[in-house]
Amino acid sequence: MSRFSDEDLPLTTFLKRYQPVIPSANPDLEDQLITAIASTPHSRLTVVSKAHVQRRILWAVPAIAAGLVAMVVSHRTFAPTPQPQPAEVAELQTFIENTWQDTSTESLRSEGDSFPATEDSTLN
């Protein structure tokens, strides 16, 4: 066993000085307990404990269900989102650039190019 350091000396002195007094043991205590247990009807203890267990089970079922729901919700909420691969990012960027270029060139066309005039047209 190792010796305590000098820093622990005030604590050990305090604990020795204010050590509680242990009460003397009652020699008849064991007999009193056995007599009290023997005089208690057993059927009453059994009924009380069954009712107590049933109440605990009734509280446990909703608590377990709520815990499972909370676990599923928190797993989905705090799960890290998957990061896209570099190839997917490049493909997406190419798609956006091509789509943007097609959109900007269509707006430069005139209406006559989009709707060619015919002899039957009545747009005079």
C-alpha atoms as a PDB file:
ATOM      1  CA  MET A   1       0.000   0.000   0.000  1.00  0.00           C
ATOM      2  CA  SER A   2       1.382   3.409  -0.911  1.00  0.00           C
ATOM      3  CA  ARG A   3       1.749   6.267   1.525  1.00  0.00           C
ATOM      4  CA  PHE A   4      -0.391   9.346   1.151  1.00  0.00           C
ATOM      5  CA  SER A   5       1.239  12.543   0.010  1.00  0.00           C
ATOM      6  CA  ASP A   6       1.647  15.582   2.230  1.00  0.00           C
ATOM      7  CA  GLU A   7      -1.244  17.237   0.383  1.00  0.00           C
ATOM      8  CA  ASP A   8      -3.629  14.595   1.770  1.00  0.00           C
ATOM      9  CA  LEU A   9      -2.600  15.190   5.411  1.00  0.00           C
ATOM     10  CA  PRO A  10      -5.194  17.946   6.149  1.00  0.00           C
ATOM     11  CA  LEU A  11      -7.983  15.764   4.755  1.00  0.00           C
ATOM     12  CA  THR A  12      -6.995  12.712   6.792  1.00  0.00           C
ATOM     13  CA  THR A  13      -6.664  14.841   9.929  1.00  0.00           C
ATOM     14  CA  PHE A  14     -10.134  16.322   9.354  1.00  0.00           C
ATOM     15  CA  LEU A  15     -11.681  12.885   8.797  1.00  0.00           C
ATOM     16  CA  LYS A  16     -10.061  11.452  11.944  1.00  0.00           C
ATOM     17  CA  ARG A  17     -11.165  14.419  14.054  1.00  0.00           C
ATOM     18  CA  TYR A  18     -14.813  14.392  12.895  1.00  0.00           C
ATOM     19  CA  GLN A  19     -15.272  10.640  12.552  1.00  0.00           C
ATOM     20  CA  PRO A  20     -18.888   9.722  13.439  1.00  0.00           C
ATOM     21  CA  VAL A  21     -19.623   7.614  16.493  1.00  0.00           C
ATOM     22  CA  ILE A  22     -21.032   4.225  15.592  1.00  0.00           C
ATOM     23  CA  PRO A  23     -24.099   3.351  17.694  1.00  0.00           C
ATOM     24  CA  SER A  24     -24.048   0.160  19.711  1.00  0.00           C
ATOM     25  CA  ALA A  25     -25.852  -2.796  18.188  1.00  0.00           C
ATOM     26  CA  ASN A  26     -29.221  -3.879  19.583  1.00  0.00           C
ATOM     27  CA  PRO A  27     -28.843  -7.574  20.452  1.00  0.00           C
ATOM     28  CA  ASP A  28     -32.594  -8.233  20.008  1.00  0.00           C
ATOM     29  CA  LEU A  29     -32.849  -6.587  16.562  1.00  0.00           C
ATOM     30  CA  GLU A  30     -32.623  -9.830  14.593  1.00  0.00           C
ATOM     31  CA  ASP A  31     -35.342 -11.463  16.704  1.00  0.00           C
ATOM     32  CA  GLN A  32     -37.593  -8.416  16.264  1.00  0.00           C
ATOM     33  CA  LEU A  33     -37.201  -8.521  12.474  1.00  0.00           C
ATOM     34  CA  ILE A  34     -37.930 -12.247  12.254  1.00  0.00           C
ATOM     35  CA  THR A  35     -41.025 -11.832  14.453  1.00  0.00           C
ATOM     36  CA  ALA A  36     -42.299  -8.942  12.305  1.00  0.00           C
ATOM     37  CA  ILE A  37     -41.781 -10.929   9.095  1.00  0.00           C
ATOM     38  CA  ALA A  38     -43.459 -14.022  10.533  1.00  0.00           C
ATOM     39  CA  SER A  39     -46.498 -12.056  11.711  1.00  0.00           C
ATOM     40  CA  THR A  40     -47.126 -10.514   8.269  1.00  0.00           C
ATOM     41  CA  PRO A  41     -49.624 -12.519   6.158  1.00  0.00           C
ATOM     42  CA  HIS A  42     -47.931 -13.854   3.037  1.00  0.00           C
ATOM     43  CA  SER A  43     -50.965 -13.627   0.755  1.00  0.00           C
ATOM     44  CA  ARG A  44     -51.154  -9.869   1.301  1.00  0.00           C
ATOM     45  CA  LEU A  45     -47.516  -9.442   0.322  1.00  0.00           C
ATOM     46  CA  THR A  46     -48.041 -11.513  -2.821  1.00  0.00           C
ATOM     47  CA  VAL A  47     -51.080  -9.485  -3.976  1.00  0.00           C
ATOM     48  CA  VAL A  48     -49.321  -6.175  -3.392  1.00  0.00           C
ATOM     49  CA  SER A  49     -46.221  -7.275  -5.275  1.00  0.00           C
ATOM     50  CA  LYS A  50     -48.267  -8.595  -8.240  1.00  0.00           C
ATOM     51  CA  ALA A  51     -50.183  -5.321  -8.517  1.00  0.00           C
ATOM     52  CA  HIS A  52     -46.945  -3.395  -8.271  1.00  0.00           C
ATOM     53  CA  VAL A  53     -45.371  -5.490 -11.035  1.00  0.00           C
ATOM     54  CA  GLN A  54     -48.433  -5.058 -13.251  1.00  0.00           C
ATOM     55  CA  ARG A  55     -48.311  -1.276 -12.797  1.00  0.00           C
ATOM     56  CA  ARG A  56     -44.644  -1.240 -13.710  1.00  0.00           C
ATOM     57  CA  ILE A  57     -45.300  -3.307 -16.830  1.00  0.00           C
ATOM     58  CA  LEU A  58     -48.100  -0.949 -17.871  1.00  0.00           C
ATOM     59  CA  TRP A  59     -45.682   1.975 -17.617  1.00  0.00           C
ATOM     60  CA  ALA A  60     -42.857   0.102 -19.332  1.00  0.00           C
ATOM     61  CA  VAL A  61     -44.703  -0.655 -22.575  1.00  0.00           C
ATOM     62  CA  PRO A  62     -45.345   2.985 -23.625  1.00  0.00           C
ATOM     63  CA  ALA A  63     -41.902   3.993 -22.394  1.00  0.00           C
ATOM     64  CA  ILE A  64     -40.217   1.355 -24.564  1.00  0.00           C
ATOM     65  CA  ALA A  65     -42.351   2.318 -27.568  1.00  0.00           C
ATOM     66  CA  ALA A  66     -41.511   6.001 -27.116  1.00  0.00           C
ATOM     67  CA  GLY A  67     -37.837   5.130 -26.822  1.00  0.00           C
ATOM     68  CA  LEU A  68     -37.908   3.151 -30.069  1.00  0.00           C
ATOM     69  CA  VAL A  69     -39.682   5.987 -31.905  1.00  0.00           C
ATOM     70  CA  ALA A  70     -37.181   8.509 -30.565  1.00  0.00           C
ATOM     71  CA  MET A  71     -34.290   6.280 -31.635  1.00  0.00           C
ATOM     72  CA  VAL A  72     -35.594   5.935 -35.204  1.00  0.00           C
ATOM     73  CA  VAL A  73     -36.336   9.659 -35.549  1.00  0.00           C
ATOM     74  CA  SER A  74     -32.993  10.731 -34.114  1.00  0.00           C
ATOM     75  CA  HIS A  75     -31.130   8.231 -36.315  1.00  0.00           C
ATOM     76  CA  ARG A  76     -32.689   9.691 -39.454  1.00  0.00           C
ATOM     77  CA  THR A  77     -32.242  13.266 -38.258  1.00  0.00           C
ATOM     78  CA  PHE A  78     -28.615  13.012 -37.194  1.00  0.00           C
ATOM     79  CA  ALA A  79     -27.410  10.556 -39.824  1.00  0.00           C
ATOM     80  CA  PRO A  80     -24.712  12.087 -42.005  1.00  0.00           C
ATOM     81  CA  THR A  81     -25.790  12.857 -45.544  1.00  0.00           C
ATOM     82  CA  PRO A  82     -23.813  10.979 -48.183  1.00  0.00           C
ATOM     83  CA  GLN A  83     -21.409  13.154 -50.147  1.00  0.00           C
ATOM     84  CA  PRO A  84     -21.542  12.891 -53.968  1.00  0.00           C
ATOM     85  CA  GLN A  85     -18.618  11.342 -55.795  1.00  0.00           C
ATOM     86  CA  PRO A  86     -16.367  13.620 -57.895  1.00  0.00           C
ATOM     87  CA  ALA A  87     -17.631  11.961 -61.098  1.00  0.00           C
ATOM     88  CA  GLU A  88     -21.232  12.749 -60.138  1.00  0.00           C
ATOM     89  CA  VAL A  89     -20.321  16.376 -59.391  1.00  0.00           C
ATOM     90  CA  ALA A  90     -18.602  16.725 -62.766  1.00  0.00           C
ATOM     91  CA  GLU A  91     -21.590  15.193 -64.571  1.00  0.00           C
ATOM     92  CA  LEU A  92     -23.991  17.524 -62.764  1.00  0.00           C
ATOM     93  CA  GLN A  93     -21.845  20.557 -63.574  1.00  0.00           C
ATOM     94  CA  THR A  94     -21.721  19.609 -67.267  1.00  0.00           C
ATOM     95  CA  PHE A  95     -25.487  19.133 -67.339  1.00  0.00           C
ATOM     96  CA  ILE A  96     -26.086  22.547 -65.759  1.00  0.00           C
ATOM     97  CA  GLU A  97     -23.697  24.281 -68.167  1.00  0.00           C
ATOM     98  CA  ASN A  98     -25.307  22.669 -71.233  1.00  0.00           C
ATOM     99  CA  THR A  99     -28.805  23.420 -70.005  1.00  0.00           C
ATOM    100  CA  TRP A 100     -27.870  27.028 -69.248  1.00  0.00           C
ATOM    101  CA  GLN A 101     -26.336  27.497 -72.680  1.00  0.00           C
ATOM    102  CA  ASP A 102     -29.428  26.053 -74.390  1.00  0.00           C
ATOM    103  CA  THR A 103     -31.680  28.348 -72.368  1.00  0.00           C
ATOM    104  CA  SER A 104     -29.687  31.489 -73.092  1.00  0.00           C
ATOM    105  CA  THR A 105     -29.464  30.803 -76.857  1.00  0.00           C
ATOM    106  CA  GLU A 106     -33.215  30.165 -77.150  1.00  0.00           C
ATOM    107  CA  SER A 107     -34.031  33.561 -75.683  1.00  0.00           C
ATOM    108  CA  LEU A 108     -31.959  35.240 -78.420  1.00  0.00           C
ATOM    109  CA  ARG A 109     -34.022  33.736 -81.219  1.00  0.00           C
ATOM    110  CA  SER A 110     -36.713  35.882 -82.736  1.00  0.00           C
ATOM    111  CA  GLU A 111     -40.348  34.917 -82.744  1.00  0.00           C
ATOM    112  CA  GLY A 112     -40.248  34.560 -86.515  1.00  0.00           C
ATOM    113  CA  ASP A 113     -37.668  31.784 -86.168  1.00  0.00           C
ATOM    114  CA  SER A 114     -39.811  29.906 -83.704  1.00  0.00           C
ATOM    115  CA  PHE A 115     -43.059  30.307 -85.643  1.00  0.00           C
ATOM    116  CA  PRO A 116     -42.390  30.369 -89.398  1.00  0.00           C
ATOM    117  CA  ALA A 117     -44.916  32.380 -91.358  1.00  0.00           C
ATOM    118  CA  THR A 118     -46.901  30.638 -94.058  1.00  0.00           C
ATOM    119  CA  GLU A 119     -49.230  31.895 -96.691  1.00  0.00           C
ATOM    120  CA  ASP A 120     -52.212  30.747 -94.646  1.00  0.00           C
ATOM    121  CA  SER A 121     -51.166  32.609 -91.503  1.00  0.00           C
ATOM    122  CA  THR A 122     -53.477  35.381 -90.344  1.00  0.00           C
ATOM    123  CA  LEU A 123     -50.983  37.304 -88.247  1.00  0.00           C
ATOM    124  CA  ASN A 124     -51.273  40.595 -90.157  1.00  0.00           C
END
